[in-house]
N, C-alpha and C. Protein backbone atom coordinates (compact mmCIF):
# COMPACT_ATOMS: atom_id res chain seq x y z
N MET A 1 -0.81 85.06 -8.16
CA MET A 1 -1.86 85.00 -7.14
C MET A 1 -1.63 83.84 -6.17
N LYS A 2 -0.67 82.95 -6.52
CA LYS A 2 -0.40 81.69 -5.71
C LYS A 2 0.38 82.21 -4.44
N HIS A 3 1.16 83.19 -4.59
CA HIS A 3 1.87 83.87 -3.54
C HIS A 3 0.94 84.52 -2.47
N TRP A 4 -0.08 84.99 -2.80
CA TRP A 4 -1.07 85.84 -1.98
C TRP A 4 -1.96 84.82 -1.32
N ARG A 5 -2.18 83.71 -1.74
CA ARG A 5 -3.29 82.84 -1.23
C ARG A 5 -3.05 82.40 0.17
N PRO A 6 -1.91 82.09 0.65
CA PRO A 6 -1.74 81.72 2.14
C PRO A 6 -1.80 83.03 3.01
N PHE A 7 -1.43 84.04 2.46
CA PHE A 7 -1.51 85.40 3.17
C PHE A 7 -3.04 85.73 3.51
N LEU A 8 -3.74 85.62 2.33
CA LEU A 8 -5.14 85.93 2.47
C LEU A 8 -5.92 84.85 3.26
N ILE A 9 -5.69 83.79 3.37
CA ILE A 9 -6.23 82.76 4.00
C ILE A 9 -6.03 83.11 5.56
N VAL A 10 -4.78 83.37 5.90
CA VAL A 10 -4.45 83.83 7.37
C VAL A 10 -5.03 85.03 7.54
N LEU A 11 -5.16 85.96 6.94
CA LEU A 11 -5.82 87.37 7.08
C LEU A 11 -7.32 87.19 7.35
N MET A 12 -7.93 86.35 6.50
CA MET A 12 -9.30 86.09 6.70
C MET A 12 -9.68 85.19 8.05
N SER A 13 -8.65 84.44 8.28
CA SER A 13 -8.93 83.61 9.62
C SER A 13 -8.88 84.58 10.80
N LEU A 14 -7.85 85.39 10.85
CA LEU A 14 -7.70 86.32 11.84
C LEU A 14 -8.92 87.35 12.02
N ALA A 15 -9.44 87.78 10.97
CA ALA A 15 -10.56 88.56 10.83
C ALA A 15 -11.86 87.77 11.37
N VAL A 16 -12.17 86.55 11.12
CA VAL A 16 -13.13 85.82 11.70
C VAL A 16 -13.02 85.63 13.26
N VAL A 17 -11.77 85.19 13.69
CA VAL A 17 -11.54 85.07 15.03
C VAL A 17 -11.74 86.42 15.76
N HIS A 18 -11.29 87.59 15.24
CA HIS A 18 -11.39 88.74 15.80
C HIS A 18 -12.86 89.19 15.96
N CYS A 19 -13.53 89.00 15.08
CA CYS A 19 -15.14 89.47 14.96
C CYS A 19 -15.93 88.54 15.76
N SER A 20 -15.64 87.14 16.08
CA SER A 20 -16.42 86.34 16.79
C SER A 20 -16.65 86.77 18.38
N SER A 21 -17.69 86.84 18.80
CA SER A 21 -18.09 87.13 20.14
C SER A 21 -18.26 85.80 21.00
N ASP A 22 -17.62 86.02 22.15
CA ASP A 22 -17.85 84.82 23.03
C ASP A 22 -19.28 84.99 23.66
N THR A 23 -19.77 83.92 24.16
CA THR A 23 -20.88 83.99 24.91
C THR A 23 -20.36 84.13 26.50
N PRO A 24 -21.25 84.53 27.20
CA PRO A 24 -20.63 84.68 28.68
C PRO A 24 -20.23 83.31 29.18
N ALA A 25 -20.78 82.23 28.81
CA ALA A 25 -20.22 80.90 29.35
C ALA A 25 -18.83 80.62 28.78
N ASP A 26 -18.65 81.15 27.54
CA ASP A 26 -17.32 81.04 26.91
C ASP A 26 -16.26 81.87 27.63
N ALA A 27 -16.64 82.96 28.04
CA ALA A 27 -15.86 83.87 28.67
C ALA A 27 -15.39 83.55 30.12
N LEU A 28 -16.16 82.81 30.72
CA LEU A 28 -15.85 82.39 32.30
C LEU A 28 -15.21 81.13 32.19
N HIS A 29 -13.97 81.03 32.75
CA HIS A 29 -13.09 79.90 32.86
C HIS A 29 -13.27 79.45 34.20
N MET A 30 -13.58 78.22 34.55
CA MET A 30 -13.59 77.48 35.74
C MET A 30 -12.63 76.57 35.97
N THR A 31 -11.64 76.87 37.02
CA THR A 31 -10.65 75.84 37.12
C THR A 31 -10.94 75.14 38.54
N VAL A 32 -10.87 73.78 38.55
CA VAL A 32 -10.91 73.01 39.77
C VAL A 32 -9.71 73.06 40.41
N ILE A 33 -9.73 73.68 41.76
CA ILE A 33 -8.76 73.76 42.62
C ILE A 33 -8.64 72.40 43.45
N SER A 34 -9.65 71.85 43.84
CA SER A 34 -9.71 70.57 44.43
C SER A 34 -11.12 70.01 44.24
N ALA A 35 -11.24 68.65 44.44
CA ALA A 35 -12.56 68.10 44.31
C ALA A 35 -12.46 66.73 45.19
N SER A 36 -13.44 66.48 45.87
CA SER A 36 -13.45 65.25 46.62
C SER A 36 -14.83 64.65 46.79
N ARG A 37 -14.83 63.25 47.17
CA ARG A 37 -15.91 62.54 47.34
C ARG A 37 -15.74 61.60 48.55
N SER A 38 -16.77 61.54 49.52
CA SER A 38 -16.73 60.62 50.59
C SER A 38 -18.07 59.82 50.54
N ASP A 39 -18.03 58.54 50.98
CA ASP A 39 -19.27 57.74 50.98
C ASP A 39 -19.55 57.01 52.18
N THR A 40 -19.52 57.92 53.26
CA THR A 40 -19.90 57.23 54.49
C THR A 40 -21.28 57.43 54.97
N GLY A 41 -22.03 56.50 54.38
CA GLY A 41 -23.54 56.65 54.64
C GLY A 41 -24.28 57.88 54.25
N LEU A 42 -25.02 58.43 55.26
CA LEU A 42 -25.85 59.62 55.10
C LEU A 42 -24.94 60.71 54.97
N ASP A 43 -23.62 60.77 55.54
CA ASP A 43 -22.64 61.78 55.47
C ASP A 43 -21.87 61.84 54.03
N ALA A 44 -22.36 61.00 53.15
CA ALA A 44 -21.77 61.10 51.82
C ALA A 44 -21.76 62.51 51.39
N ALA A 45 -20.50 62.85 50.68
CA ALA A 45 -20.51 64.24 50.22
C ALA A 45 -19.58 64.32 48.88
N VAL A 46 -19.93 65.25 48.18
CA VAL A 46 -19.12 65.63 46.92
C VAL A 46 -18.91 67.18 47.00
N SER A 47 -17.52 67.47 46.82
CA SER A 47 -17.28 68.91 47.03
C SER A 47 -16.27 69.43 46.06
N PHE A 48 -16.48 70.71 45.65
CA PHE A 48 -15.48 71.36 44.68
C PHE A 48 -15.12 72.56 45.20
N SER A 49 -13.70 72.91 45.15
CA SER A 49 -13.35 74.37 45.24
C SER A 49 -12.77 74.69 43.99
N LEU A 50 -13.16 76.04 43.56
CA LEU A 50 -13.11 76.53 42.15
C LEU A 50 -12.49 77.83 42.15
N ASN A 51 -11.95 78.19 41.04
CA ASN A 51 -11.55 79.58 40.75
C ASN A 51 -12.27 80.04 39.48
N LEU A 52 -13.13 80.97 39.47
CA LEU A 52 -13.75 81.70 38.38
C LEU A 52 -13.08 82.79 37.75
N ARG A 53 -12.78 82.77 36.46
CA ARG A 53 -11.96 83.95 35.92
C ARG A 53 -12.64 84.38 34.57
N ASN A 54 -12.83 85.58 34.66
CA ASN A 54 -13.37 86.20 33.34
C ASN A 54 -12.35 86.42 32.41
N GLN A 55 -12.42 85.67 31.24
CA GLN A 55 -11.37 85.88 30.18
C GLN A 55 -11.84 86.69 29.13
N GLY A 56 -13.03 87.27 29.39
CA GLY A 56 -13.62 88.06 28.12
C GLY A 56 -13.27 89.55 28.28
N ASP A 57 -13.89 90.37 27.57
CA ASP A 57 -13.63 91.84 27.50
C ASP A 57 -14.69 92.67 28.11
N ALA A 58 -15.76 91.89 28.78
CA ALA A 58 -16.90 92.75 29.34
C ALA A 58 -17.12 92.13 30.60
N ILE A 59 -17.87 92.84 31.54
CA ILE A 59 -18.24 92.43 32.73
C ILE A 59 -19.26 91.14 32.66
N LEU A 60 -18.99 90.22 33.55
CA LEU A 60 -19.72 89.02 33.52
C LEU A 60 -20.45 88.94 35.10
N TYR A 61 -21.60 88.21 35.12
CA TYR A 61 -22.29 88.14 36.37
C TYR A 61 -22.54 86.83 36.61
N VAL A 62 -22.32 86.35 37.88
CA VAL A 62 -22.54 85.08 38.32
C VAL A 62 -23.64 85.00 39.38
N ALA A 63 -24.44 83.93 39.39
CA ALA A 63 -25.46 83.95 40.64
C ALA A 63 -24.59 83.70 41.87
N GLU A 64 -25.12 84.53 42.88
CA GLU A 64 -24.43 84.05 44.26
C GLU A 64 -25.48 84.34 45.30
N CYS A 65 -25.31 83.57 46.55
CA CYS A 65 -26.12 83.69 47.71
C CYS A 65 -25.27 84.31 48.69
N GLY A 66 -25.68 85.37 49.53
CA GLY A 66 -24.86 85.82 50.42
C GLY A 66 -23.66 86.48 49.67
N ALA A 67 -22.39 86.09 50.23
CA ALA A 67 -21.20 86.60 49.43
C ALA A 67 -20.47 85.58 48.65
N LEU A 68 -21.24 84.54 48.37
CA LEU A 68 -20.52 83.45 47.70
C LEU A 68 -21.23 83.03 46.38
N PRO A 69 -20.54 82.74 45.45
CA PRO A 69 -21.00 82.30 44.00
C PRO A 69 -21.82 80.95 44.39
N THR A 70 -22.77 80.61 43.65
CA THR A 70 -23.62 79.29 43.91
C THR A 70 -23.66 78.41 42.76
N PRO A 71 -22.48 77.72 42.63
CA PRO A 71 -22.40 76.62 41.54
C PRO A 71 -23.21 75.52 42.16
N TRP A 72 -23.46 74.52 41.24
CA TRP A 72 -23.99 73.17 41.55
C TRP A 72 -23.18 72.15 40.96
N ILE A 73 -23.63 70.97 41.37
CA ILE A 73 -22.59 69.82 40.79
C ILE A 73 -23.56 68.90 40.04
N GLN A 74 -22.96 68.45 38.88
CA GLN A 74 -23.59 67.46 38.12
C GLN A 74 -22.85 66.23 38.00
N VAL A 75 -23.55 65.03 37.84
CA VAL A 75 -22.89 63.73 37.73
C VAL A 75 -23.14 63.21 36.42
N ARG A 76 -22.17 62.54 35.83
CA ARG A 76 -22.30 61.75 34.56
C ARG A 76 -22.94 60.53 34.79
N SER A 77 -24.20 60.34 34.08
CA SER A 77 -24.96 59.23 33.96
C SER A 77 -25.06 58.63 32.53
N GLY A 78 -24.20 57.64 32.24
CA GLY A 78 -24.29 57.26 30.86
C GLY A 78 -23.59 58.31 29.93
N THR A 79 -24.37 58.85 29.07
CA THR A 79 -23.82 60.12 28.15
C THR A 79 -24.33 61.35 28.56
N GLU A 80 -25.17 61.38 29.63
CA GLU A 80 -25.66 62.57 29.89
C GLU A 80 -25.27 63.19 31.32
N TRP A 81 -25.22 64.48 31.54
CA TRP A 81 -24.99 65.07 32.77
C TRP A 81 -26.31 65.35 33.53
N THR A 82 -26.47 64.91 34.78
CA THR A 82 -27.56 65.06 35.47
C THR A 82 -27.23 65.86 36.68
N LEU A 83 -28.14 66.55 37.39
CA LEU A 83 -28.19 67.43 38.56
C LEU A 83 -27.85 66.34 39.74
N TYR A 84 -26.79 66.77 40.46
CA TYR A 84 -26.52 66.13 41.68
C TYR A 84 -26.96 66.74 42.82
N GLY A 85 -26.73 68.22 42.89
CA GLY A 85 -27.14 69.11 43.94
C GLY A 85 -26.47 70.44 43.84
N GLY A 86 -27.07 71.36 44.68
CA GLY A 86 -26.38 72.63 44.81
C GLY A 86 -27.12 73.61 44.08
N GLY A 87 -26.49 74.92 43.96
CA GLY A 87 -26.91 76.07 43.45
C GLY A 87 -28.27 76.70 44.02
N ILE A 88 -28.49 76.40 45.32
CA ILE A 88 -29.67 76.85 46.06
C ILE A 88 -29.21 77.72 47.16
N CYS A 89 -29.92 78.85 47.59
CA CYS A 89 -29.69 79.58 48.66
C CYS A 89 -30.29 79.03 49.77
N GLU A 90 -29.55 79.38 51.01
CA GLU A 90 -30.04 79.02 52.30
C GLU A 90 -31.28 79.85 52.49
N PHE A 91 -32.15 79.40 53.64
CA PHE A 91 -33.38 80.01 53.78
C PHE A 91 -33.25 81.68 54.00
N ASP A 92 -32.12 82.02 54.74
CA ASP A 92 -31.92 83.38 55.04
C ASP A 92 -31.16 84.16 53.99
N GLU A 93 -30.73 83.54 52.89
CA GLU A 93 -29.97 84.33 52.02
C GLU A 93 -30.74 84.62 50.73
N ILE A 94 -30.20 85.76 49.90
CA ILE A 94 -31.10 86.24 48.96
C ILE A 94 -30.14 85.98 47.65
N LEU A 95 -30.63 85.48 46.51
CA LEU A 95 -30.00 85.28 45.31
C LEU A 95 -29.73 86.77 44.66
N THR A 96 -28.38 86.94 44.46
CA THR A 96 -27.93 88.12 43.95
C THR A 96 -27.00 87.92 42.59
N ALA A 97 -26.48 88.96 41.92
CA ALA A 97 -25.70 88.85 40.85
C ALA A 97 -24.29 89.43 41.24
N ASN A 98 -23.29 88.70 41.17
CA ASN A 98 -21.91 89.09 41.51
C ASN A 98 -21.22 89.43 40.20
N ALA A 99 -20.76 90.74 40.04
CA ALA A 99 -19.98 91.10 38.93
C ALA A 99 -18.50 90.60 39.00
N ILE A 100 -17.98 90.11 37.80
CA ILE A 100 -16.57 89.83 37.60
C ILE A 100 -16.04 90.65 36.42
N GLY A 101 -15.19 91.46 36.68
CA GLY A 101 -14.65 92.18 35.69
C GLY A 101 -13.67 91.50 34.75
N PRO A 102 -13.42 92.14 33.52
CA PRO A 102 -12.57 91.32 32.68
C PRO A 102 -11.12 91.19 33.48
N GLY A 103 -10.63 89.87 33.15
CA GLY A 103 -9.31 89.61 33.84
C GLY A 103 -9.42 89.26 35.35
N GLN A 104 -10.64 89.58 36.02
CA GLN A 104 -10.68 89.48 37.53
C GLN A 104 -11.03 87.76 37.83
N SER A 105 -10.61 87.40 38.76
CA SER A 105 -10.85 85.87 39.30
C SER A 105 -11.45 86.05 40.67
N ILE A 106 -12.32 85.09 41.05
CA ILE A 106 -13.00 84.91 42.27
C ILE A 106 -13.06 83.49 42.70
N PRO A 107 -13.02 83.31 43.90
CA PRO A 107 -13.22 81.77 44.50
C PRO A 107 -14.54 81.26 44.55
N ALA A 108 -14.83 80.15 44.44
CA ALA A 108 -16.19 79.63 44.59
C ALA A 108 -16.01 78.18 45.10
N SER A 109 -17.09 77.81 45.82
CA SER A 109 -16.92 76.36 46.24
C SER A 109 -18.28 75.88 46.38
N VAL A 110 -18.54 74.51 46.49
CA VAL A 110 -19.89 73.78 46.53
C VAL A 110 -19.61 72.50 47.09
N ALA A 111 -20.43 72.18 48.18
CA ALA A 111 -20.42 70.95 48.80
C ALA A 111 -21.80 70.48 49.02
N ILE A 112 -22.05 69.03 48.71
CA ILE A 112 -23.39 68.53 48.68
C ILE A 112 -23.23 67.18 49.59
N SER A 113 -24.02 67.06 50.68
CA SER A 113 -24.02 66.00 51.45
C SER A 113 -25.25 65.46 51.70
N GLY A 114 -25.42 64.21 52.20
CA GLY A 114 -26.56 63.60 52.45
C GLY A 114 -27.23 62.96 51.27
N LEU A 115 -26.78 62.95 50.11
CA LEU A 115 -27.53 62.42 48.94
C LEU A 115 -26.97 61.06 48.50
N GLY A 116 -25.85 60.61 49.26
CA GLY A 116 -25.19 59.45 48.85
C GLY A 116 -24.39 59.69 47.63
N SER A 117 -23.32 59.02 47.56
CA SER A 117 -22.54 59.34 46.20
C SER A 117 -21.79 57.99 45.74
N HIS A 118 -21.44 57.97 44.48
CA HIS A 118 -20.72 56.73 43.99
C HIS A 118 -19.52 57.21 43.27
N PRO A 119 -18.55 56.41 42.93
CA PRO A 119 -17.45 56.74 42.17
C PRO A 119 -17.98 57.13 40.73
N GLY A 120 -17.35 58.16 40.27
CA GLY A 120 -17.74 58.53 38.85
C GLY A 120 -17.18 59.92 38.54
N TYR A 121 -17.79 60.45 37.31
CA TYR A 121 -17.42 61.70 36.80
C TYR A 121 -18.43 62.82 37.37
N TYR A 122 -17.77 63.78 37.88
CA TYR A 122 -18.53 65.03 38.45
C TYR A 122 -18.06 66.30 37.88
N ARG A 123 -18.81 67.23 37.78
CA ARG A 123 -18.34 68.58 37.38
C ARG A 123 -19.09 69.68 38.11
N ALA A 124 -18.60 70.89 38.03
CA ALA A 124 -19.29 72.00 38.60
C ALA A 124 -19.86 72.91 37.64
N VAL A 125 -20.91 73.48 37.73
CA VAL A 125 -21.71 74.17 36.80
C VAL A 125 -22.07 75.51 37.54
N ILE A 126 -22.12 76.60 36.87
CA ILE A 126 -22.70 77.85 37.39
C ILE A 126 -23.42 78.78 36.28
N LEU A 127 -24.32 79.39 36.76
CA LEU A 127 -25.01 80.30 35.77
C LEU A 127 -24.44 81.57 35.59
N VAL A 128 -24.13 81.99 34.43
CA VAL A 128 -23.32 83.25 34.02
C VAL A 128 -24.26 84.08 33.06
N SER A 129 -24.17 85.28 33.13
CA SER A 129 -24.80 86.14 32.27
C SER A 129 -24.05 87.51 32.04
N ASP A 130 -24.28 88.22 30.95
CA ASP A 130 -23.74 89.56 30.92
C ASP A 130 -24.90 90.62 31.23
N ASP A 131 -25.93 90.15 31.80
CA ASP A 131 -27.17 90.97 32.42
C ASP A 131 -27.40 90.51 33.80
N PRO A 132 -27.08 91.46 34.75
CA PRO A 132 -27.41 90.92 36.19
C PRO A 132 -28.79 90.65 36.36
N LYS A 133 -29.84 91.47 35.81
CA LYS A 133 -31.07 91.15 36.09
C LYS A 133 -31.71 89.71 35.60
N ARG A 134 -30.92 89.34 34.60
CA ARG A 134 -31.15 87.89 34.01
C ARG A 134 -31.00 86.86 35.14
N LEU A 135 -30.18 87.02 36.04
CA LEU A 135 -29.82 86.01 37.29
C LEU A 135 -30.77 86.12 38.37
N VAL A 136 -31.39 87.19 38.58
CA VAL A 136 -32.28 87.51 39.76
C VAL A 136 -33.73 87.74 39.58
N ASP A 137 -34.09 87.58 38.25
CA ASP A 137 -35.44 87.80 37.74
C ASP A 137 -36.28 86.71 38.44
N ASP A 138 -37.35 87.05 39.14
CA ASP A 138 -38.20 86.03 39.81
C ASP A 138 -38.60 84.70 38.95
N GLU A 139 -38.95 85.08 37.76
CA GLU A 139 -39.45 84.06 36.82
C GLU A 139 -38.33 83.11 36.34
N ALA A 140 -37.00 83.63 36.16
CA ALA A 140 -36.05 82.78 35.54
C ALA A 140 -34.79 82.60 36.61
N ALA A 141 -34.87 83.04 37.72
CA ALA A 141 -33.75 83.03 38.69
C ALA A 141 -33.22 81.65 38.79
N GLY A 142 -31.92 81.42 38.74
CA GLY A 142 -31.35 80.08 38.73
C GLY A 142 -31.63 79.09 37.78
N ARG A 143 -32.29 79.53 36.76
CA ARG A 143 -32.61 78.40 35.71
C ARG A 143 -32.05 78.99 34.25
N PRO A 144 -31.04 78.16 33.83
CA PRO A 144 -30.56 78.70 32.41
C PRO A 144 -31.63 78.62 31.30
N GLN A 145 -31.56 79.61 30.48
CA GLN A 145 -32.43 79.76 29.41
C GLN A 145 -31.77 79.02 28.18
N SER A 146 -30.52 78.95 28.16
CA SER A 146 -29.79 78.37 26.90
C SER A 146 -28.42 77.86 27.57
N ALA A 147 -27.71 77.08 26.73
CA ALA A 147 -26.35 76.58 27.04
C ALA A 147 -25.41 77.81 27.06
N ASP A 148 -25.82 78.77 26.57
CA ASP A 148 -24.77 80.00 26.47
C ASP A 148 -24.68 80.65 27.91
N GLU A 149 -25.68 80.38 28.92
CA GLU A 149 -25.70 80.75 30.24
C GLU A 149 -25.07 79.83 31.23
N LEU A 150 -24.53 78.64 30.81
CA LEU A 150 -23.93 77.81 31.57
C LEU A 150 -22.64 77.68 31.55
N ALA A 151 -21.80 78.02 32.52
CA ALA A 151 -20.31 77.48 32.51
C ALA A 151 -19.93 76.29 33.20
N SER A 152 -19.19 75.51 32.84
CA SER A 152 -18.96 74.38 33.53
C SER A 152 -17.49 74.02 33.61
N SER A 153 -16.95 73.46 34.71
CA SER A 153 -15.71 73.12 35.00
C SER A 153 -15.29 71.91 34.17
N ALA A 154 -14.14 71.48 34.08
CA ALA A 154 -13.72 70.20 33.58
C ALA A 154 -14.41 69.02 34.48
N SER A 155 -14.78 67.78 33.84
CA SER A 155 -15.21 66.81 34.77
C SER A 155 -13.97 66.05 35.44
N VAL A 156 -14.27 65.77 36.59
CA VAL A 156 -13.32 65.05 37.41
C VAL A 156 -13.74 63.72 37.85
N TYR A 157 -12.78 62.73 37.81
CA TYR A 157 -13.26 61.31 38.13
C TYR A 157 -12.97 61.46 39.71
N LEU A 158 -14.15 61.06 40.49
CA LEU A 158 -13.72 60.87 41.91
C LEU A 158 -14.04 59.42 42.24
N PRO A 159 -12.86 58.86 42.76
CA PRO A 159 -12.98 57.34 43.02
C PRO A 159 -13.84 57.12 44.26
């Protein structure tokens, strides 16, 4: 039986990994292409350029305004992440759900200005779901109901 034990452990581990299902947030990989911060008075700005890639095996949907995904920016405050800005449609745009097929990538960007900024850690966050109605439902639009619906990029220190 000793000879079979390592084989059984590996086989059971593979079965667990194969059977586990990713949440939409786990399946959406966000890569930061560039990030910047300027602090010139009222024109202070933080911006991110991103690549969103569906690494899962099902279609994912991200919130978008017009033809662009709508991420927002969070800033690290102590041990917590707090909203810095973004994720809002302009007055003439409608919130919709953009489909990203398995293996597909799309660009996204967000820039927030006029709020003032300071050196620190920032990250981009976007609402993602496997149900397009979930993203545009009037009562829940733009608000995550659980951590499984939020995909975030790596944090970036902006001096």
